[in-house]
Protein backbone atom coordinates (compact mmCIF):
# COMPACT_ATOMS: atom_id res chain seq x y z
CA MET A 1 0.13 -0.17 -0.21
CA THR A 2 1.38 3.70 -0.73
CA LEU A 3 1.11 6.15 2.04
CA GLU A 4 -1.71 7.74 0.72
CA GLN A 5 -3.91 4.45 0.28
CA ILE A 6 -3.17 3.62 4.38
CA ILE A 7 -3.91 7.08 5.43
CA ASN A 8 -7.14 6.88 3.61
CA ALA A 9 -8.18 3.20 5.38
CA PHE A 10 -7.31 4.99 8.59
CA ILE A 11 -9.75 8.03 7.58
CA ASN A 12 -12.75 5.11 6.78
CA HIS A 13 -12.12 3.09 10.11
CA THR A 14 -9.64 0.23 8.89
CA SER A 15 -8.47 -1.39 12.07
CA ASP A 16 -4.73 -3.13 11.36
CA VAL A 17 -2.75 -2.31 8.07
CA GLN A 18 0.62 -3.51 8.13
CA GLY A 19 2.19 -0.28 6.04
CA ARG A 20 5.26 0.48 4.51
CA TYR A 21 7.44 3.84 5.17
CA GLY A 22 6.85 3.71 8.78
CA LEU A 23 3.42 4.38 8.64
CA SER A 24 0.41 1.76 9.73
CA ILE A 25 -2.54 0.96 11.43
CA ARG A 26 -2.81 -0.68 14.82
CA GLY A 27 -6.38 -1.15 16.64
CA GLY A 28 -7.89 1.43 14.66
CA ALA A 29 -5.17 4.23 15.54
CA LEU A 30 -2.64 5.56 13.16
CA TYR A 31 1.24 4.77 13.99
CA SER A 32 4.53 6.88 12.75
CA TYR A 33 6.75 4.25 13.69
CA ASN A 34 5.83 3.20 17.16
CA LEU A 35 3.94 7.08 17.84
CA LYS A 36 0.35 7.54 17.55
CA ILE A 37 -0.54 10.54 14.94
CA ALA A 38 -4.09 10.42 15.09
CA GLU A 39 -6.95 8.00 16.50
CA HIS A 40 -10.94 8.26 15.95
CA GLY A 41 -12.90 10.29 18.31
CA ARG A 42 -15.25 8.28 20.18
CA MET A 43 -18.56 8.60 19.23
CA THR A 44 -17.81 12.33 17.48
CA GLY A 45 -16.71 12.10 14.20
CA GLN A 46 -13.79 13.78 14.62
CA ILE A 47 -10.25 12.60 14.06
CA TYR A 48 -7.85 13.67 16.23
CA VAL A 49 -4.21 13.93 14.80
CA TYR A 50 -1.21 14.67 16.98
CA ASP A 51 0.80 17.54 15.97
CA TYR A 52 4.55 16.03 16.01
CA MET A 53 5.79 18.90 13.45
CA ALA A 54 8.44 21.14 13.33
CA THR A 55 5.86 23.66 13.58
CA GLY A 56 3.24 22.16 15.40
CA SER A 57 2.15 21.91 19.54
CA ARG A 58 4.00 18.72 20.19
CA GLY A 59 7.32 19.88 18.48
CA MET A 60 9.25 17.30 15.77
CA VAL A 61 10.28 13.71 16.54
CA SER A 62 11.43 13.09 13.03
CA ALA A 63 11.28 14.56 9.51
CA THR A 64 9.50 10.98 8.63
CA THR A 65 6.95 11.75 11.02
CA SER A 66 6.31 15.12 10.51
CA LYS A 67 5.42 14.19 6.78
CA HIS A 68 3.16 11.72 8.16
CA VAL A 69 1.39 14.12 10.37
CA GLY A 70 1.39 16.83 7.58
CA MET A 71 -0.32 14.39 5.22
CA ILE A 72 -3.30 13.14 7.39
CA LYS A 73 -3.66 16.66 8.44
CA ARG A 74 -4.40 17.53 4.40
CA ALA A 75 -6.31 14.24 3.98
CA VAL A 76 -9.04 14.53 6.82
CA PRO A 77 -11.92 16.99 6.11
CA GLN A 78 -11.16 20.29 8.04
CA ASN A 79 -14.72 19.79 9.78
CA LYS A 80 -13.37 16.89 11.17
CA LEU A 81 -10.65 17.70 11.95
CA ILE A 82 -8.99 18.17 15.91
CA LEU A 83 -5.09 19.04 16.39
CA ALA A 84 -4.70 17.25 20.01
């Protein structure tokens, strides 16, 4: 799967995907390596994205994780996105 396909699978509530380039879905949450970067809100329809980018509220962990976070932020509809 491509990174985009993994992100789309996450948005569409796929629970587990062995990913590529460090991006995967485990237990319904999106991970960059072993760091949870996104999860679905309980019964809200929202998607919580943990902002591990250089300019984000949590600070940058790695360039690859920052790329993954940027991709999920762009893919989630703005009315469903909650940055945490």
